[in-house]
Amino acid sequence: MVREVKRIWAGAFLAGIVALVCSCRQGAGKAAAVDGSVERSDEELRRLLGFPLARFGWMERIDSVGRNLAKSLQPDAGEQVKIEAISGWLGSPDGVRPVEFPDDTDLVPSLAWERHRGGCTSLSWIWMRLAKAMDLDLQPVLLPGHMALKSKEGRFVETLRGGLLRSRDFYDSTFSLAKRPAYRLDAAHVPVLEASLLVHRGLLLWNRQDLTNSEACFRKASELVPGMPEAEGNLGLVLEASGERVQARAHLATALAGDSLNGKARVRWEALSKDGTGP
């Protein structure tokens, strides 16, 4: 389990479980409270990746594009027409190209906007912002290693496929959701995007061997979305790396309860169980 794959999103971000990268807690004292907003995560991700703050007003420019798209449509335009309008604009030279296998920078909303290329989390946020400006409600739906958007009328929008509409049955089958109860397609207005960005922050901090602040990010993510396997599993591994093996086993168990197919979490949970760690 040494330095295994840190992120296995097929075009998105959430890594699932990462490997242990160090064996002792870095830093002293309790980590500061973590702001789980998209805006704060965007700032922190840019800082961790070595980029300056985004240009002032970049979010408002997205809103302006959305309002202009709305004006170009009939006043009574329906949901599907609006989805097609967003898809068409994002596919233009001024839009944001989907990157199926993103690097860390592609997953930061402001960088995706600036560089016209984005992964699943950043695209989802841009889609949602454009949609809101058009009076269209799109909510992020967490999937194993992926994220889709769900409309008010029950359509599932695939941002990495230019707004392709998917069915519930497609996701049930493709991701074996019967064995993964944490991923509920009917969840609405749950801050999974905010939690996903926090997991991203936590992984980058972990790479820097800052286990204290990495742990804080994973904890905040699990508070926002209780039982989120990516947050709980990574939290368990950070705790194990910090020597807190009893707590680690408990969080790995929570990750497995939400996703029984998470192989990395199962390997570590079984290892801790064999050596008698935990209740």
Protein backbone atom coordinates (compact mmCIF):
# COMPACT_ATOMS: atom_id res chain seq x y z
CA MET A 1 0.00 0.00 0.00
CA VAL A 2 3.03 2.25 -0.48
CA ARG A 3 2.30 5.34 -2.58
CA GLU A 4 -0.51 3.74 -4.54
CA VAL A 5 -2.64 5.70 -6.95
CA LYS A 6 -3.65 8.98 -5.36
CA ARG A 7 -6.59 9.70 -7.63
CA ILE A 8 -8.52 7.35 -9.89
CA TRP A 9 -11.29 9.55 -11.24
CA ALA A 10 -12.06 8.56 -14.80
CA GLY A 11 -12.32 12.18 -15.80
CA ALA A 12 -13.10 13.59 -12.41
CA PHE A 13 -11.31 13.89 -9.10
CA LEU A 14 -12.33 11.78 -6.16
CA ALA A 15 -9.50 9.37 -5.58
CA GLY A 16 -11.23 6.88 -3.36
CA ILE A 17 -8.55 5.71 -0.95
CA VAL A 18 -4.94 6.86 -1.14
CA ALA A 19 -1.83 5.15 0.16
CA LEU A 20 0.09 6.03 3.30
CA VAL A 21 2.82 8.53 2.49
CA CYS A 22 4.41 9.07 5.89
CA SER A 23 4.30 7.55 9.34
CA CYS A 24 4.23 10.48 11.73
CA ARG A 25 2.03 13.51 12.34
CA GLN A 26 3.43 16.70 10.89
CA GLY A 27 2.96 20.08 12.54
CA ALA A 28 1.94 20.85 16.08
CA GLY A 29 -1.36 21.60 17.72
CA LYS A 30 -4.88 21.35 16.43
CA ALA A 31 -5.60 22.38 12.86
CA ALA A 32 -7.65 25.51 12.34
CA ALA A 33 -11.32 25.24 11.45
CA VAL A 34 -11.79 24.52 7.75
CA ASP A 35 -14.02 26.64 5.51
CA GLY A 36 -15.78 24.19 3.23
CA SER A 37 -17.06 26.68 0.64
CA VAL A 38 -16.21 26.30 -3.04
CA GLU A 39 -14.67 29.77 -3.09
CA ARG A 40 -12.32 29.06 -0.19
CA SER A 41 -11.28 25.69 -1.56
CA ASP A 42 -10.61 27.31 -4.92
CA GLU A 43 -8.29 29.84 -3.28
CA GLU A 44 -6.50 27.19 -1.23
CA LEU A 45 -6.10 24.82 -4.16
CA ARG A 46 -4.57 27.58 -6.27
CA ARG A 47 -2.16 28.38 -3.45
CA LEU A 48 -1.16 24.74 -2.95
CA LEU A 49 -0.60 24.33 -6.69
CA GLY A 50 1.49 27.50 -6.96
CA PHE A 51 -0.98 29.78 -8.74
CA PRO A 52 -1.85 33.37 -7.75
CA LEU A 53 -5.41 34.19 -6.72
CA ALA A 54 -7.97 34.20 -9.50
CA ARG A 55 -8.71 37.51 -11.18
CA PHE A 56 -11.34 39.56 -9.40
CA GLY A 57 -14.87 39.02 -10.72
CA TRP A 58 -14.28 35.71 -12.48
CA MET A 59 -17.39 34.14 -10.94
CA GLU A 60 -19.51 37.11 -11.98
CA ARG A 61 -18.30 36.65 -15.56
CA ILE A 62 -19.70 33.12 -15.51
CA ASP A 63 -23.01 34.52 -14.26
CA SER A 64 -22.99 37.06 -17.09
CA VAL A 65 -22.54 34.31 -19.67
CA GLY A 66 -25.49 32.45 -18.15
CA ARG A 67 -27.73 35.52 -18.27
CA ASN A 68 -26.80 36.14 -21.89
CA LEU A 69 -27.58 32.54 -22.75
CA ALA A 70 -30.99 32.91 -21.09
CA LYS A 71 -31.69 36.07 -23.14
CA SER A 72 -30.93 34.18 -26.35
CA LEU A 73 -33.72 31.69 -25.64
CA GLN A 74 -37.48 31.97 -25.73
CA PRO A 75 -38.94 33.16 -22.40
CA ASP A 76 -40.73 29.83 -21.97
CA ALA A 77 -37.70 27.69 -22.85
CA GLY A 78 -37.79 24.38 -21.04
CA GLU A 79 -35.18 22.54 -19.04
CA GLN A 80 -33.76 20.51 -21.90
CA VAL A 81 -33.41 23.55 -24.14
CA LYS A 82 -31.42 25.33 -21.42
CA ILE A 83 -29.19 22.30 -20.90
CA GLU A 84 -28.50 22.20 -24.65
CA ALA A 85 -27.68 25.93 -24.64
CA ILE A 86 -25.13 25.50 -21.84
CA SER A 87 -23.63 22.49 -23.58
CA GLY A 88 -23.34 24.40 -26.85
CA TRP A 89 -21.61 27.37 -25.25
CA LEU A 90 -19.18 25.24 -23.24
CA GLY A 91 -18.26 23.45 -26.47
CA SER A 92 -17.38 26.75 -28.16
CA PRO A 93 -13.85 28.25 -28.20
CA ASP A 94 -14.83 30.49 -25.28
CA GLY A 95 -16.15 27.57 -23.24
CA VAL A 96 -14.50 24.89 -21.11
CA ARG A 97 -13.32 21.66 -22.73
CA PRO A 98 -13.91 18.47 -20.73
CA VAL A 99 -10.74 16.62 -19.71
CA GLU A 100 -11.49 12.97 -19.09
CA PHE A 101 -8.21 12.26 -17.31
CA PRO A 102 -7.45 15.52 -15.48
CA ASP A 103 -4.44 16.56 -13.48
CA ASP A 104 -4.74 18.41 -10.17
CA THR A 105 -5.01 21.80 -11.85
CA ASP A 106 -7.93 20.76 -14.07
CA LEU A 107 -10.06 20.17 -10.99
CA VAL A 108 -9.89 23.76 -9.70
CA PRO A 109 -12.94 25.76 -10.88
CA SER A 110 -11.19 29.08 -11.52
CA LEU A 111 -8.28 27.42 -13.34
CA ALA A 112 -10.70 25.45 -15.50
CA TRP A 113 -12.45 28.71 -16.39
CA GLU A 114 -9.21 30.54 -17.15
CA ARG A 115 -7.63 27.77 -19.18
CA HIS A 116 -10.79 26.53 -20.95
CA ARG A 117 -10.30 22.95 -19.78
CA GLY A 118 -11.69 21.19 -16.76
CA GLY A 119 -12.27 17.94 -14.94
CA CYS A 120 -15.50 16.69 -13.44
CA THR A 121 -15.61 18.77 -10.26
CA SER A 122 -14.66 22.05 -11.90
CA LEU A 123 -17.01 21.45 -14.84
CA SER A 124 -19.85 20.59 -12.49
CA TRP A 125 -19.42 23.87 -10.64
CA ILE A 126 -19.31 25.90 -13.86
CA TRP A 127 -22.38 24.08 -15.19
CA MET A 128 -24.24 24.78 -11.95
CA ARG A 129 -23.29 28.46 -11.96
CA LEU A 130 -24.38 28.94 -15.57
CA ALA A 131 -27.60 27.05 -14.89
CA LYS A 132 -28.46 29.15 -11.85
CA ALA A 133 -28.11 32.32 -13.91
CA MET A 134 -30.62 30.79 -16.34
CA ASP A 135 -33.10 29.87 -13.59
CA LEU A 136 -32.25 26.20 -14.01
CA ASP A 137 -31.62 23.99 -11.00
CA LEU A 138 -28.82 21.44 -11.42
CA GLN A 139 -27.54 19.57 -8.37
CA PRO A 140 -24.34 17.50 -8.15
CA VAL A 141 -24.74 13.78 -7.60
CA LEU A 142 -21.80 11.87 -6.16
CA LEU A 143 -20.78 8.60 -7.80
CA PRO A 144 -17.75 6.34 -7.22
CA GLY A 145 -14.88 8.29 -8.75
CA HIS A 146 -17.26 10.52 -10.64
CA MET A 147 -19.89 13.22 -10.42
CA ALA A 148 -23.00 13.88 -12.48
CA LEU A 149 -25.63 16.62 -12.32
CA LYS A 150 -29.31 16.00 -11.71
CA SER A 151 -32.01 18.33 -12.97
CA LYS A 152 -35.27 19.18 -11.28
CA GLU A 153 -37.12 17.01 -13.78
CA GLY A 154 -34.90 14.01 -13.02
CA ARG A 155 -32.48 14.19 -15.93
CA PHE A 156 -28.85 13.24 -15.30
CA VAL A 157 -26.37 15.50 -17.10
CA GLU A 158 -22.93 14.09 -17.96
CA THR A 159 -20.57 17.06 -17.95
CA LEU A 160 -17.64 15.09 -19.33
CA ARG A 161 -19.72 14.16 -22.36
CA GLY A 162 -20.77 17.68 -23.29
CA GLY A 163 -24.08 17.54 -21.44
CA LEU A 164 -25.11 14.08 -22.59
CA LEU A 165 -28.26 12.99 -20.75
CA ARG A 166 -27.97 9.68 -18.91
CA SER A 167 -30.59 7.47 -17.27
CA ARG A 168 -30.74 6.31 -13.67
CA ASP A 169 -30.45 2.73 -14.92
CA PHE A 170 -27.18 3.59 -16.67
CA TYR A 171 -25.56 4.75 -13.44
CA ASP A 172 -27.07 1.91 -11.39
CA SER A 173 -25.52 -0.61 -13.76
CA THR A 174 -22.22 1.10 -14.59
CA PHE A 175 -21.28 1.80 -10.97
CA SER A 176 -22.91 -1.24 -9.30
CA LEU A 177 -24.77 1.10 -6.97
CA ALA A 178 -26.67 -1.73 -5.27
CA LYS A 179 -23.40 -2.50 -3.47
CA ARG A 180 -22.60 1.15 -2.80
CA PRO A 181 -25.34 2.72 -0.66
CA ALA A 182 -23.38 5.94 -0.07
CA TYR A 183 -24.00 6.98 -3.66
CA ARG A 184 -27.66 7.91 -3.79
CA LEU A 185 -28.90 9.25 -7.11
CA ASP A 186 -31.90 10.84 -5.42
CA ALA A 187 -29.86 13.04 -3.06
CA ALA A 188 -30.56 16.72 -3.64
CA HIS A 189 -28.97 19.90 -2.31
CA VAL A 190 -26.23 17.88 -0.58
CA PRO A 191 -22.86 19.71 -0.68
CA VAL A 192 -20.98 16.92 -2.44
CA LEU A 193 -19.08 19.36 -4.63
CA GLU A 194 -17.79 21.27 -1.62
CA ALA A 195 -16.84 17.98 0.04
CA SER A 196 -15.08 16.76 -3.12
CA LEU A 197 -12.93 19.89 -3.27
CA LEU A 198 -12.05 19.41 0.39
CA VAL A 199 -10.88 15.87 -0.35
CA HIS A 200 -8.75 17.30 -3.15
CA ARG A 201 -7.24 19.80 -0.70
CA GLY A 202 -6.64 17.06 1.82
CA LEU A 203 -4.75 14.93 -0.68
CA LEU A 204 -2.52 17.81 -1.76
CA LEU A 205 -1.74 18.60 1.87
CA TRP A 206 -1.00 14.93 2.50
CA ASN A 207 1.48 14.96 -0.38
CA ARG A 208 3.22 17.76 1.51
CA GLN A 209 3.23 15.56 4.63
CA ASP A 210 0.97 18.03 6.43
CA LEU A 211 -1.17 15.37 8.10
CA THR A 212 -2.74 17.76 10.60
CA ASN A 213 -4.38 19.98 8.00
CA SER A 214 -5.02 17.06 5.66
CA GLU A 215 -6.97 15.36 8.43
CA ALA A 216 -8.93 18.59 9.04
CA CYS A 217 -10.00 18.71 5.39
CA PHE A 218 -11.14 15.08 5.37
CA ARG A 219 -13.04 15.60 8.63
CA LYS A 220 -14.82 18.65 7.26
CA ALA A 221 -15.72 16.77 4.09
CA SER A 222 -17.21 13.93 6.15
CA GLU A 223 -19.20 16.47 8.17
CA LEU A 224 -20.64 18.01 5.01
CA VAL A 225 -21.50 14.61 3.51
CA PRO A 226 -21.75 12.03 6.32
CA GLY A 227 -20.54 8.61 5.26
CA MET A 228 -18.79 9.87 2.11
CA PRO A 229 -16.40 6.97 1.34
CA GLU A 230 -13.68 9.18 -0.17
CA ALA A 231 -13.61 11.40 2.93
CA GLU A 232 -13.97 8.60 5.48
CA GLY A 233 -11.45 6.29 3.83
CA ASN A 234 -8.77 8.93 3.47
CA LEU A 235 -9.43 10.13 7.00
CA GLY A 236 -8.91 6.57 8.22
CA LEU A 237 -5.57 6.31 6.44
CA VAL A 238 -4.36 9.67 7.73
CA LEU A 239 -5.26 8.60 11.26
CA GLU A 240 -3.38 5.33 10.78
CA ALA A 241 -0.37 7.26 9.54
CA SER A 242 -0.63 9.40 12.67
CA GLY A 243 -0.66 6.35 14.92
CA GLU A 244 -4.37 6.54 15.81
CA ARG A 245 -5.18 3.04 14.67
CA VAL A 246 -8.41 2.49 16.61
CA GLN A 247 -10.00 5.58 15.10
CA ALA A 248 -8.53 4.70 11.71
CA ARG A 249 -10.27 1.32 11.71
CA ALA A 250 -13.61 2.94 12.60
CA HIS A 251 -13.44 5.41 9.70
CA LEU A 252 -12.35 2.72 7.26
CA ALA A 253 -15.35 0.68 8.37
CA THR A 254 -17.61 3.66 7.64
CA ALA A 255 -16.09 3.95 4.18
CA LEU A 256 -16.77 0.26 3.54
CA ALA A 257 -20.34 0.55 4.81
CA GLY A 258 -20.96 3.13 2.10
CA ASP A 259 -18.95 1.40 -0.61
CA SER A 260 -18.36 -2.33 -0.16
CA LEU A 261 -16.37 -2.39 -3.42
CA ASN A 262 -13.68 -0.02 -2.15
CA GLY A 263 -10.73 -2.38 -2.28
CA LYS A 264 -8.13 -0.06 -0.76
CA ALA A 265 -10.27 0.64 2.29
CA ARG A 266 -10.92 -3.08 2.75
CA VAL A 267 -7.21 -3.96 2.61
CA ARG A 268 -6.34 -1.50 5.37
CA TRP A 269 -9.42 -2.35 7.48
CA GLU A 270 -8.59 -6.05 7.32
CA ALA A 271 -4.96 -5.39 8.20
CA LEU A 272 -5.97 -3.40 11.27
CA SER A 273 -8.51 -6.05 12.22
CA LYS A 274 -5.95 -8.85 12.05
CA ASP A 275 -3.56 -7.11 14.42
CA GLY A 276 -6.34 -6.59 16.95
CA THR A 277 -6.68 -2.84 16.45
CA GLY A 278 -10.08 -1.41 17.21
CA PRO A 279 -13.10 -2.73 19.09
